[in-house]
Amino acid sequence: MLIIEGFNGHRIEISQDCYYVSGPELWIRGDGVTLVVGLTQAGVILAGNVVSLEYLVEEGQSVSPGDVIVFAITNKIKYIETPLAGNILNLNSSLVYNLHLFQEDPHGRAWLFSLRPSGTINLSDRFLDPTSYQQRLLRSEACGNPQGLKGGASPTCRTIYSGIRSQKEG
C-alpha cells in the first residue's frame, strides 16, 4: 500500500494492485479481460461519505464509456460512470446495505461493479498506476488541508469559512 497522511484530515491508502481514474476517483483491478471497478478512498472522502447507493443498470447490460452505472448520495449527488465500454458482469448489490464498507474496505469488499470490456484492455496504457495516482493526490487541494478543516481546501471556501469564524468570534 502507498500511504498519504493528511488528505483532508484523513490517512489515505492506495492499493498497489489497482489502476486509477482521477476526477471520478475510481480504482480498476483485473486482467484486462474481466475488470472490477470501485470508488477510491479519496473519492469517498471528497464526496463526504456515501449515504445511499442505487444501481441504474442491470447485470448483463452493455455499456459505453460515460454511461452512469451508480447513483450515490453523499454530501453531494454523485453519478458514477463506467470508464470503459463492455458488458456488466456483476453489481455489488450487498454494498447498498453495507455502506460502511466504503470506509472499512474500499479496495476490497466495497467494489461497485465488474465488467467484461469490449476487447482486451491494457490497464497501464489507459489509467494511472498507483504511484502516479499518489502523486496526483499529493498535488491536490485536499493535501493542502491536512487537518481537514471546513473551508480549508479551496481559496473560495477558506474565504467564506474565515468570514463565518470571524463573525462567531466577534
Protein backbone atom coordinates (compact mmCIF):
# COMPACT_ATOMS: atom_id res chain seq x y z
CA MET A 1 0.00 0.00 0.00
CA LEU A 2 1.04 3.55 -0.69
CA ILE A 3 0.05 6.00 2.04
CA ILE A 4 -0.86 9.69 2.13
CA GLU A 5 -1.15 11.32 5.54
CA GLY A 6 -3.26 14.47 5.93
CA PHE A 7 -5.54 14.11 2.92
CA ASN A 8 -8.30 16.49 4.01
CA GLY A 9 -7.67 15.30 7.58
CA HIS A 10 -7.51 11.59 6.73
CA ARG A 11 -4.97 8.87 6.06
CA ILE A 12 -5.36 7.54 2.51
CA GLU A 13 -4.28 4.07 1.40
CA ILE A 14 -3.62 3.43 -2.28
CA SER A 15 -3.68 -0.20 -3.27
CA GLN A 16 -0.77 -1.17 -5.48
CA ASP A 17 -2.71 -3.83 -7.37
CA CYS A 18 -5.12 -1.32 -8.93
CA TYR A 19 -5.10 1.32 -11.62
CA TYR A 20 -6.83 4.65 -11.10
CA VAL A 21 -9.10 7.10 -12.88
CA SER A 22 -8.61 10.61 -11.50
CA GLY A 23 -11.53 13.00 -11.46
CA PRO A 24 -14.26 10.48 -10.72
CA GLU A 25 -11.77 8.82 -8.31
CA LEU A 26 -12.22 5.21 -9.39
CA TRP A 27 -9.96 2.20 -8.99
CA ILE A 28 -9.84 -0.63 -11.52
CA ARG A 29 -8.42 -4.10 -10.96
CA GLY A 30 -8.30 -7.03 -13.33
CA ASP A 31 -6.55 -8.89 -16.08
CA GLY A 32 -7.83 -6.76 -18.97
CA VAL A 33 -10.49 -9.37 -19.79
CA THR A 34 -12.57 -9.07 -16.60
CA LEU A 35 -12.37 -5.83 -14.59
CA VAL A 36 -13.64 -4.79 -11.18
CA VAL A 37 -14.34 -1.10 -10.52
CA GLY A 38 -14.70 0.75 -7.21
CA LEU A 39 -14.64 4.21 -5.67
CA THR A 40 -11.30 5.21 -4.19
CA GLN A 41 -10.87 6.12 -0.54
CA ALA A 42 -10.01 9.66 -1.67
CA GLY A 43 -13.21 9.76 -3.71
CA VAL A 44 -15.30 8.78 -0.70
CA ILE A 45 -13.63 11.44 1.47
CA LEU A 46 -14.03 14.16 -1.17
CA ALA A 47 -17.68 13.23 -1.70
CA GLY A 48 -18.39 13.32 2.03
CA ASN A 49 -19.16 9.62 2.60
CA VAL A 50 -21.77 7.57 0.80
CA VAL A 51 -25.19 7.53 2.50
CA SER A 52 -27.24 5.92 -0.28
CA LEU A 53 -26.45 3.91 -3.38
CA GLU A 54 -28.60 2.83 -6.32
CA TYR A 55 -27.62 0.89 -9.43
CA LEU A 56 -29.01 2.26 -12.69
CA VAL A 57 -28.03 -0.72 -14.89
CA GLU A 58 -28.58 -4.46 -14.76
CA GLU A 59 -26.19 -7.37 -14.89
CA GLY A 60 -25.61 -8.42 -18.49
CA GLN A 61 -26.28 -4.93 -19.82
CA SER A 62 -23.98 -3.47 -22.46
CA VAL A 63 -22.48 -0.09 -21.53
CA SER A 64 -20.42 2.60 -23.23
CA PRO A 65 -17.77 4.87 -21.70
CA GLY A 66 -19.52 7.59 -19.70
CA ASP A 67 -22.71 5.61 -19.06
CA VAL A 68 -23.93 6.11 -15.50
CA ILE A 69 -23.78 2.85 -13.56
CA VAL A 70 -24.38 4.02 -9.99
CA PHE A 71 -26.26 6.90 -8.41
CA ALA A 72 -24.84 7.74 -4.99
CA ILE A 73 -26.00 10.25 -2.45
CA THR A 74 -23.17 11.73 -0.43
CA ASN A 75 -22.83 15.29 0.80
CA LYS A 76 -23.32 15.78 -2.93
CA ILE A 77 -25.14 13.81 -5.59
CA LYS A 78 -22.66 11.62 -7.42
CA TYR A 79 -23.17 9.82 -10.70
CA ILE A 80 -20.55 7.10 -11.14
CA GLU A 81 -19.84 6.37 -14.79
CA THR A 82 -18.05 3.49 -16.41
CA PRO A 83 -14.70 4.46 -17.91
CA LEU A 84 -14.90 1.62 -20.45
CA ALA A 85 -17.30 0.01 -22.90
CA GLY A 86 -18.33 -3.56 -22.21
CA ASN A 87 -20.88 -5.80 -20.54
CA ILE A 88 -21.75 -5.55 -16.85
CA LEU A 89 -20.98 -8.90 -15.25
CA ASN A 90 -21.84 -8.24 -11.60
CA LEU A 91 -23.22 -5.48 -9.43
CA ASN A 92 -22.22 -5.46 -5.75
CA SER A 93 -25.82 -5.26 -4.50
CA SER A 94 -24.75 -6.14 -0.94
CA LEU A 95 -22.92 -2.79 -0.84
CA VAL A 96 -26.29 -0.98 -0.96
CA TYR A 97 -26.99 -2.30 2.57
CA ASN A 98 -23.39 -2.18 3.82
CA LEU A 99 -22.21 1.33 3.00
CA HIS A 100 -19.75 1.17 5.92
CA LEU A 101 -17.55 -0.95 3.61
CA PHE A 102 -16.50 2.23 1.79
CA GLN A 103 -14.58 3.19 4.95
CA GLU A 104 -13.63 -0.31 6.12
CA ASP A 105 -12.53 -1.99 2.88
CA PRO A 106 -12.55 0.49 -0.03
CA HIS A 107 -10.29 -1.63 -2.28
CA GLY A 108 -11.90 -4.95 -1.42
CA ARG A 109 -15.49 -5.60 -0.42
CA ALA A 110 -16.61 -2.08 -1.49
CA TRP A 111 -16.26 -2.80 -5.21
CA LEU A 112 -19.11 -1.35 -7.27
CA PHE A 113 -19.34 -3.44 -10.42
CA SER A 114 -17.42 -5.79 -12.67
CA LEU A 115 -17.45 -5.78 -16.44
CA ARG A 116 -16.05 -7.55 -19.44
CA PRO A 117 -14.65 -4.79 -21.64
CA SER A 118 -15.22 -4.74 -25.38
CA GLY A 119 -11.86 -6.13 -26.46
CA THR A 120 -8.74 -6.68 -24.39
CA ILE A 121 -7.60 -3.64 -22.40
CA ASN A 122 -4.08 -2.87 -21.23
CA LEU A 123 -4.81 -1.01 -17.99
CA SER A 124 -1.36 0.57 -17.80
CA ASP A 125 -1.93 2.28 -21.16
CA ARG A 126 -5.30 3.79 -20.18
CA PHE A 127 -5.17 4.59 -16.47
CA LEU A 128 -2.87 5.90 -13.72
CA ASP A 129 -0.57 3.48 -11.94
CA PRO A 130 -0.57 3.67 -8.09
CA THR A 131 2.50 5.93 -7.86
CA SER A 132 1.15 8.38 -10.46
CA TYR A 133 -2.20 8.46 -8.67
CA GLN A 134 -0.46 9.11 -5.34
CA GLN A 135 1.49 11.99 -6.87
CA ARG A 136 -1.70 13.47 -8.33
CA LEU A 137 -3.39 13.34 -4.93
CA LEU A 138 -0.35 14.89 -3.24
CA ARG A 139 -0.71 17.89 -5.60
CA SER A 140 -4.44 18.24 -4.89
CA GLU A 141 -6.08 20.89 -2.72
CA ALA A 142 -7.08 18.18 -0.21
CA CYS A 143 -3.41 17.68 0.71
CA GLY A 144 -3.22 21.41 1.40
CA ASN A 145 -5.71 20.81 4.22
CA PRO A 146 -4.01 18.18 6.41
CA GLN A 147 -6.27 18.81 9.44
CA GLY A 148 -9.45 18.54 7.37
CA LEU A 149 -10.75 21.98 8.36
CA LYS A 150 -14.00 23.07 6.73
CA GLY A 151 -13.15 25.57 4.06
CA GLY A 152 -9.51 24.56 4.26
CA ALA A 153 -9.15 23.25 0.72
CA SER A 154 -10.23 25.85 -1.81
CA PRO A 155 -9.48 29.59 -1.67
CA THR A 156 -13.19 30.43 -2.03
CA CYS A 157 -14.21 28.11 0.81
CA ARG A 158 -11.37 29.39 3.01
CA THR A 159 -12.62 32.96 2.49
CA ILE A 160 -16.22 32.06 3.31
CA TYR A 161 -15.37 29.97 6.38
CA SER A 162 -12.87 32.54 7.64
CA GLY A 163 -15.61 35.17 7.45
CA ILE A 164 -18.03 32.91 9.34
CA ARG A 165 -15.39 32.18 12.02
CA SER A 166 -14.61 35.88 12.49
CA GLN A 167 -18.34 36.69 12.85
CA LYS A 168 -18.68 34.00 15.53
CA GLU A 169 -15.62 35.30 17.40
CA GLY A 170 -16.75 38.94 17.19
